[in-house]
PDB file of N, CA and C in Angstrom:
ATOM      1  N   MET A   1      12.055  -7.369  -8.731  1.00  0.00           N
ATOM      2  CA  MET A   1      10.972  -8.314  -8.920  1.00  0.00           C
ATOM      3  C   MET A   1       9.643  -7.556  -8.784  1.00  0.00           C
ATOM      4  N   PRO A   2       8.703  -7.795  -9.688  1.00  0.00           N
ATOM      5  CA  PRO A   2       7.426  -7.081  -9.626  1.00  0.00           C
ATOM      6  C   PRO A   2       6.588  -7.535  -8.439  1.00  0.00           C
ATOM      7  N   ASP A   3       5.735  -6.626  -7.989  1.00  0.00           N
ATOM      8  CA  ASP A   3       4.805  -6.957  -6.913  1.00  0.00           C
ATOM      9  C   ASP A   3       3.784  -7.971  -7.400  1.00  0.00           C
ATOM     10  N   LEU A   4       3.248  -8.737  -6.467  1.00  0.00           N
ATOM     11  CA  LEU A   4       2.201  -9.704  -6.784  1.00  0.00           C
ATOM     12  C   LEU A   4       0.915  -8.945  -7.087  1.00  0.00           C
ATOM     13  N   PRO A   5       0.361  -9.103  -8.284  1.00  0.00           N
ATOM     14  CA  PRO A   5      -0.888  -8.422  -8.608  1.00  0.00           C
ATOM     15  C   PRO A   5      -2.038  -8.970  -7.759  1.00  0.00           C
ATOM     16  N   VAL A   6      -2.918  -8.086  -7.321  1.00  0.00           N
ATOM     17  CA  VAL A   6      -4.111  -8.470  -6.573  1.00  0.00           C
ATOM     18  C   VAL A   6      -5.308  -8.084  -7.427  1.00  0.00           C
ATOM     19  N   ILE A   7      -6.138  -9.068  -7.755  1.00  0.00           N
ATOM     20  CA  ILE A   7      -7.283  -8.837  -8.628  1.00  0.00           C
ATOM     21  C   ILE A   7      -8.553  -8.979  -7.805  1.00  0.00           C
ATOM     22  N   ASP A   8      -9.390  -7.959  -7.856  1.00  0.00           N
ATOM     23  CA  ASP A   8     -10.630  -7.906  -7.079  1.00  0.00           C
ATOM     24  C   ASP A   8     -11.766  -8.495  -7.904  1.00  0.00           C
ATOM     25  N   PHE A   9     -12.297  -9.634  -7.439  1.00  0.00           N
ATOM     26  CA  PHE A   9     -13.414 -10.274  -8.124  1.00  0.00           C
ATOM     27  C   PHE A   9     -14.758  -9.784  -7.601  1.00  0.00           C
ATOM     28  N   GLY A  10     -14.763  -8.834  -6.699  1.00  0.00           N
ATOM     29  CA  GLY A  10     -16.004  -8.401  -6.069  1.00  0.00           C
ATOM     30  C   GLY A  10     -16.574  -7.103  -6.581  1.00  0.00           C
ATOM     31  N   ARG A  11     -16.270  -6.745  -7.812  1.00  0.00           N
ATOM     32  CA  ARG A  11     -16.773  -5.488  -8.377  1.00  0.00           C
ATOM     33  C   ARG A  11     -17.598  -5.747  -9.625  1.00  0.00           C
ATOM     34  N   PRO A  12     -18.732  -6.409  -9.497  1.00  0.00           N
ATOM     35  CA  PRO A  12     -19.519  -6.692 -10.710  1.00  0.00           C
ATOM     36  C   PRO A  12     -20.126  -5.422 -11.298  1.00  0.00           C
ATOM     37  N   ASP A  13     -19.845  -5.201 -12.548  1.00  0.00           N
ATOM     38  CA  ASP A  13     -20.474  -4.119 -13.306  1.00  0.00           C
ATOM     39  C   ASP A  13     -20.392  -4.487 -14.780  1.00  0.00           C
ATOM     40  N   ALA A  14     -20.790  -3.601 -15.630  1.00  0.00           N
ATOM     41  CA  ALA A  14     -20.878  -3.907 -17.064  1.00  0.00           C
ATOM     42  C   ALA A  14     -19.532  -4.277 -17.669  1.00  0.00           C
ATOM     43  N   GLU A  15     -18.427  -3.732 -17.129  1.00  0.00           N
ATOM     44  CA  GLU A  15     -17.112  -3.989 -17.714  1.00  0.00           C
ATOM     45  C   GLU A  15     -16.278  -4.971 -16.892  1.00  0.00           C
ATOM     46  N   PHE A  16     -16.889  -5.591 -15.883  1.00  0.00           N
ATOM     47  CA  PHE A  16     -16.144  -6.467 -14.979  1.00  0.00           C
ATOM     48  C   PHE A  16     -15.440  -7.599 -15.720  1.00  0.00           C
ATOM     49  N   ASP A  17     -16.141  -8.315 -16.574  1.00  0.00           N
ATOM     50  CA  ASP A  17     -15.556  -9.473 -17.245  1.00  0.00           C
ATOM     51  C   ASP A  17     -14.346  -9.104 -18.093  1.00  0.00           C
ATOM     52  N   ALA A  18     -14.445  -8.069 -18.898  1.00  0.00           N
ATOM     53  CA  ALA A  18     -13.332  -7.665 -19.758  1.00  0.00           C
ATOM     54  C   ALA A  18     -12.160  -7.156 -18.928  1.00  0.00           C
ATOM     55  N   ARG A  19     -12.447  -6.337 -17.910  1.00  0.00           N
ATOM     56  CA  ARG A  19     -11.378  -5.803 -17.052  1.00  0.00           C
ATOM     57  C   ARG A  19     -10.670  -6.923 -16.318  1.00  0.00           C
ATOM     58  N   THR A  20     -11.464  -7.851 -15.782  1.00  0.00           N
ATOM     59  CA  THR A  20     -10.885  -8.947 -15.012  1.00  0.00           C
ATOM     60  C   THR A  20     -10.057  -9.860 -15.907  1.00  0.00           C
ATOM     61  N   ALA A  21     -10.570 -10.192 -17.068  1.00  0.00           N
ATOM     62  CA  ALA A  21      -9.830 -11.050 -17.998  1.00  0.00           C
ATOM     63  C   ALA A  21      -8.515 -10.396 -18.401  1.00  0.00           C
ATOM     64  N   THR A  22      -8.544  -9.109 -18.646  1.00  0.00           N
ATOM     65  CA  THR A  22      -7.320  -8.386 -19.012  1.00  0.00           C
ATOM     66  C   THR A  22      -6.325  -8.403 -17.859  1.00  0.00           C
ATOM     67  N   ALA A  23      -6.812  -8.138 -16.643  1.00  0.00           N
ATOM     68  CA  ALA A  23      -5.932  -8.116 -15.470  1.00  0.00           C
ATOM     69  C   ALA A  23      -5.314  -9.486 -15.216  1.00  0.00           C
ATOM     70  N   VAL A  24      -6.115 -10.543 -15.340  1.00  0.00           N
ATOM     71  CA  VAL A  24      -5.599 -11.899 -15.139  1.00  0.00           C
ATOM     72  C   VAL A  24      -4.551 -12.220 -16.209  1.00  0.00           C
ATOM     73  N   GLY A  25      -4.853 -11.909 -17.454  1.00  0.00           N
ATOM     74  CA  GLY A  25      -3.907 -12.165 -18.535  1.00  0.00           C
ATOM     75  C   GLY A  25      -2.595 -11.434 -18.350  1.00  0.00           C
ATOM     76  N   GLU A  26      -2.663 -10.173 -17.966  1.00  0.00           N
ATOM     77  CA  GLU A  26      -1.445  -9.381 -17.748  1.00  0.00           C
ATOM     78  C   GLU A  26      -0.642  -9.931 -16.568  1.00  0.00           C
ATOM     79  N   ALA A  27      -1.345 -10.297 -15.493  1.00  0.00           N
ATOM     80  CA  ALA A  27      -0.655 -10.829 -14.315  1.00  0.00           C
ATOM     81  C   ALA A  27       0.070 -12.123 -14.654  1.00  0.00           C
ATOM     82  N   LEU A  28      -0.596 -12.995 -15.386  1.00  0.00           N
ATOM     83  CA  LEU A  28       0.036 -14.267 -15.740  1.00  0.00           C
ATOM     84  C   LEU A  28       1.182 -14.072 -16.717  1.00  0.00           C
ATOM     85  N   ARG A  29       1.026 -13.153 -17.646  1.00  0.00           N
ATOM     86  CA  ARG A  29       2.093 -12.892 -18.613  1.00  0.00           C
ATOM     87  C   ARG A  29       3.304 -12.240 -17.944  1.00  0.00           C
ATOM     88  N   ASP A  30       3.045 -11.243 -17.084  1.00  0.00           N
ATOM     89  CA  ASP A  30       4.129 -10.433 -16.529  1.00  0.00           C
ATOM     90  C   ASP A  30       4.765 -11.019 -15.269  1.00  0.00           C
ATOM     91  N   VAL A  31       3.963 -11.703 -14.435  1.00  0.00           N
ATOM     92  CA  VAL A  31       4.454 -12.175 -13.144  1.00  0.00           C
ATOM     93  C   VAL A  31       4.370 -13.697 -13.028  1.00  0.00           C
ATOM     94  N   GLY A  32       3.312 -14.270 -13.569  1.00  0.00           N
ATOM     95  CA  GLY A  32       3.128 -15.711 -13.488  1.00  0.00           C
ATOM     96  C   GLY A  32       2.149 -16.137 -12.421  1.00  0.00           C
ATOM     97  N   PHE A  33       1.786 -15.224 -11.537  1.00  0.00           N
ATOM     98  CA  PHE A  33       0.859 -15.502 -10.442  1.00  0.00           C
ATOM     99  C   PHE A  33       0.027 -14.265 -10.178  1.00  0.00           C
ATOM    100  N   PHE A  34      -1.057 -14.456  -9.415  1.00  0.00           N
ATOM    101  CA  PHE A  34      -1.818 -13.320  -8.916  1.00  0.00           C
ATOM    102  C   PHE A  34      -2.596 -13.751  -7.695  1.00  0.00           C
ATOM    103  N   ALA A  35      -2.978 -12.794  -6.876  1.00  0.00           N
ATOM    104  CA  ALA A  35      -3.833 -13.048  -5.721  1.00  0.00           C
ATOM    105  C   ALA A  35      -5.222 -12.534  -6.060  1.00  0.00           C
ATOM    106  N   VAL A  36      -6.226 -13.146  -5.432  1.00  0.00           N
ATOM    107  CA  VAL A  36      -7.608 -12.752  -5.678  1.00  0.00           C
ATOM    108  C   VAL A  36      -8.217 -12.290  -4.363  1.00  0.00           C
ATOM    109  N   GLU A  37      -8.899 -11.157  -4.407  1.00  0.00           N
ATOM    110  CA  GLU A  37      -9.641 -10.716  -3.236  1.00  0.00           C
ATOM    111  C   GLU A  37     -11.124 -10.635  -3.581  1.00  0.00           C
ATOM    112  N   ASN A  38     -11.947 -10.733  -2.568  1.00  0.00           N
ATOM    113  CA  ASN A  38     -13.405 -10.700  -2.732  1.00  0.00           C
ATOM    114  C   ASN A  38     -13.897 -11.782  -3.686  1.00  0.00           C
ATOM    115  N   HIS A  39     -13.341 -12.988  -3.525  1.00  0.00           N
ATOM    116  CA  HIS A  39     -13.670 -14.111  -4.403  1.00  0.00           C
ATOM    117  C   HIS A  39     -14.952 -14.821  -3.998  1.00  0.00           C
ATOM    118  N   GLY A  40     -15.395 -14.683  -2.768  1.00  0.00           N
ATOM    119  CA  GLY A  40     -16.634 -15.291  -2.324  1.00  0.00           C
ATOM    120  C   GLY A  40     -16.528 -16.741  -1.888  1.00  0.00           C
ATOM    121  N   VAL A  41     -15.326 -17.315  -1.893  1.00  0.00           N
ATOM    122  CA  VAL A  41     -15.150 -18.696  -1.444  1.00  0.00           C
ATOM    123  C   VAL A  41     -15.087 -18.679   0.087  1.00  0.00           C
ATOM    124  N   PRO A  42     -15.949 -19.453   0.753  1.00  0.00           N
ATOM    125  CA  PRO A  42     -15.950 -19.446   2.224  1.00  0.00           C
ATOM    126  C   PRO A  42     -14.600 -19.905   2.791  1.00  0.00           C
ATOM    127  N   PHE A  43     -14.178 -19.265   3.864  1.00  0.00           N
ATOM    128  CA  PHE A  43     -12.874 -19.580   4.455  1.00  0.00           C
ATOM    129  C   PHE A  43     -12.798 -21.011   4.965  1.00  0.00           C
ATOM    130  N   ASP A  44     -13.912 -21.589   5.416  1.00  0.00           N
ATOM    131  CA  ASP A  44     -13.854 -22.977   5.875  1.00  0.00           C
ATOM    132  C   ASP A  44     -13.559 -23.926   4.707  1.00  0.00           C
ATOM    133  N   LEU A  45     -14.047 -23.605   3.517  1.00  0.00           N
ATOM    134  CA  LEU A  45     -13.744 -24.415   2.337  1.00  0.00           C
ATOM    135  C   LEU A  45     -12.272 -24.272   1.942  1.00  0.00           C
ATOM    136  N   ILE A  46     -11.738 -23.066   2.048  1.00  0.00           N
ATOM    137  CA  ILE A  46     -10.314 -22.842   1.775  1.00  0.00           C
ATOM    138  C   ILE A  46      -9.468 -23.645   2.755  1.00  0.00           C
ATOM    139  N   ASP A  47      -9.837 -23.608   4.032  1.00  0.00           N
ATOM    140  CA  ASP A  47      -9.106 -24.376   5.043  1.00  0.00           C
ATOM    141  C   ASP A  47      -9.148 -25.871   4.743  1.00  0.00           C
ATOM    142  N   GLU A  48     -10.314 -26.372   4.313  1.00  0.00           N
ATOM    143  CA  GLU A  48     -10.438 -27.790   3.958  1.00  0.00           C
ATOM    144  C   GLU A  48      -9.522 -28.139   2.783  1.00  0.00           C
ATOM    145  N   ALA A  49      -9.455 -27.249   1.799  1.00  0.00           N
ATOM    146  CA  ALA A  49      -8.600 -27.500   0.635  1.00  0.00           C
ATOM    147  C   ALA A  49      -7.124 -27.551   1.041  1.00  0.00           C
ATOM    148  N   TYR A  50      -6.694 -26.623   1.896  1.00  0.00           N
ATOM    149  CA  TYR A  50      -5.309 -26.647   2.362  1.00  0.00           C
ATOM    150  C   TYR A  50      -5.022 -27.914   3.163  1.00  0.00           C
ATOM    151  N   SER A  51      -5.977 -28.338   3.990  1.00  0.00           N
ATOM    152  CA  SER A  51      -5.797 -29.559   4.772  1.00  0.00           C
ATOM    153  C   SER A  51      -5.686 -30.781   3.866  1.00  0.00           C
ATOM    154  N   ALA A  52      -6.535 -30.853   2.846  1.00  0.00           N
ATOM    155  CA  ALA A  52      -6.478 -31.980   1.908  1.00  0.00           C
ATOM    156  C   ALA A  52      -5.150 -31.996   1.160  1.00  0.00           C
ATOM    157  N   ALA A  53      -4.669 -30.818   0.759  1.00  0.00           N
ATOM    158  CA  ALA A  53      -3.384 -30.753   0.059  1.00  0.00           C
ATOM    159  C   ALA A  53      -2.244 -31.190   0.974  1.00  0.00           C
ATOM    160  N   ALA A  54      -2.262 -30.727   2.212  1.00  0.00           N
ATOM    161  CA  ALA A  54      -1.210 -31.115   3.160  1.00  0.00           C
ATOM    162  C   ALA A  54      -1.232 -32.618   3.398  1.00  0.00           C
ATOM    163  N   GLU A  55      -2.432 -33.189   3.536  1.00  0.00           N
ATOM    164  CA  GLU A  55      -2.561 -34.636   3.729  1.00  0.00           C
ATOM    165  C   GLU A  55      -1.994 -35.398   2.530  1.00  0.00           C
ATOM    166  N   PHE A  56      -2.307 -34.921   1.326  1.00  0.00           N
ATOM    167  CA  PHE A  56      -1.793 -35.566   0.120  1.00  0.00           C
ATOM    168  C   PHE A  56      -0.266 -35.520   0.080  1.00  0.00           C
ATOM    169  N   PHE A  57       0.318 -34.361   0.354  1.00  0.00           N
ATOM    170  CA  PHE A  57       1.767 -34.228   0.224  1.00  0.00           C
ATOM    171  C   PHE A  57       2.535 -34.928   1.341  1.00  0.00           C
ATOM    172  N   ARG A  58       1.833 -35.344   2.399  1.00  0.00           N
ATOM    173  CA  ARG A  58       2.480 -36.163   3.428  1.00  0.00           C
ATOM    174  C   ARG A  58       2.575 -37.632   3.011  1.00  0.00           C
ATOM    175  N   LEU A  59       1.860 -38.022   1.972  1.00  0.00           N
ATOM    176  CA  LEU A  59       1.891 -39.408   1.503  1.00  0.00           C
ATOM    177  C   LEU A  59       3.275 -39.751   0.948  1.00  0.00           C
ATOM    178  N   PRO A  60       3.639 -41.031   0.967  1.00  0.00           N
ATOM    179  CA  PRO A  60       4.911 -41.431   0.348  1.00  0.00           C
ATOM    180  C   PRO A  60       4.884 -41.138  -1.161  1.00  0.00           C
ATOM    181  N   ASP A  61       6.046 -40.869  -1.716  1.00  0.00           N
ATOM    182  CA  ASP A  61       6.137 -40.549  -3.145  1.00  0.00           C
ATOM    183  C   ASP A  61       5.525 -41.638  -4.026  1.00  0.00           C
ATOM    184  N   VAL A  62       5.731 -42.889  -3.654  1.00  0.00           N
ATOM    185  CA  VAL A  62       5.214 -43.987  -4.473  1.00  0.00           C
ATOM    186  C   VAL A  62       3.680 -43.909  -4.574  1.00  0.00           C
ATOM    187  N   VAL A  63       3.028 -43.456  -3.534  1.00  0.00           N
ATOM    188  CA  VAL A  63       1.565 -43.311  -3.565  1.00  0.00           C
ATOM    189  C   VAL A  63       1.181 -42.078  -4.384  1.00  0.00           C
ATOM    190  N   LYS A  64       1.867 -40.962  -4.176  1.00  0.00           N
ATOM    191  CA  LYS A  64       1.548 -39.735  -4.921  1.00  0.00           C
ATOM    192  C   LYS A  64       1.735 -39.923  -6.416  1.00  0.00           C
ATOM    193  N   LEU A  65       2.722 -40.717  -6.816  1.00  0.00           N
ATOM    194  CA  LEU A  65       2.993 -40.923  -8.230  1.00  0.00           C
ATOM    195  C   LEU A  65       1.848 -41.647  -8.946  1.00  0.00           C
ATOM    196  N   ARG A  66       1.003 -42.320  -8.210  1.00  0.00           N
ATOM    197  CA  ARG A  66      -0.175 -42.956  -8.839  1.00  0.00           C
ATOM    198  C   ARG A  66      -1.126 -41.925  -9.424  1.00  0.00           C
ATOM    199  N   TYR A  67      -1.025 -40.700  -8.981  1.00  0.00           N
ATOM    200  CA  TYR A  67      -1.956 -39.646  -9.400  1.00  0.00           C
ATOM    201  C   TYR A  67      -1.373 -38.730 -10.480  1.00  0.00           C
ATOM    202  N   SER A  68      -0.208 -39.066 -11.007  1.00  0.00           N
ATOM    203  CA  SER A  68       0.397 -38.190 -12.019  1.00  0.00           C
ATOM    204  C   SER A  68      -0.250 -38.351 -13.369  1.00  0.00           C
TER     205      SER A  68
END
């Protein structure tokens, strides 16, 4: 099984967009997933998102199905 690709979003330069797009495309084609480092999203916002997702998935299926 291939390693999980890690794509660094924190290297802005003239070729960043093309390099990043290529890396994302290859990761999705070859592995299906990728991790991102240096994304700039504050950790408290990430924690809030995980908490909201956990709260949603604790709901009964009949309630979750309203959002499909």
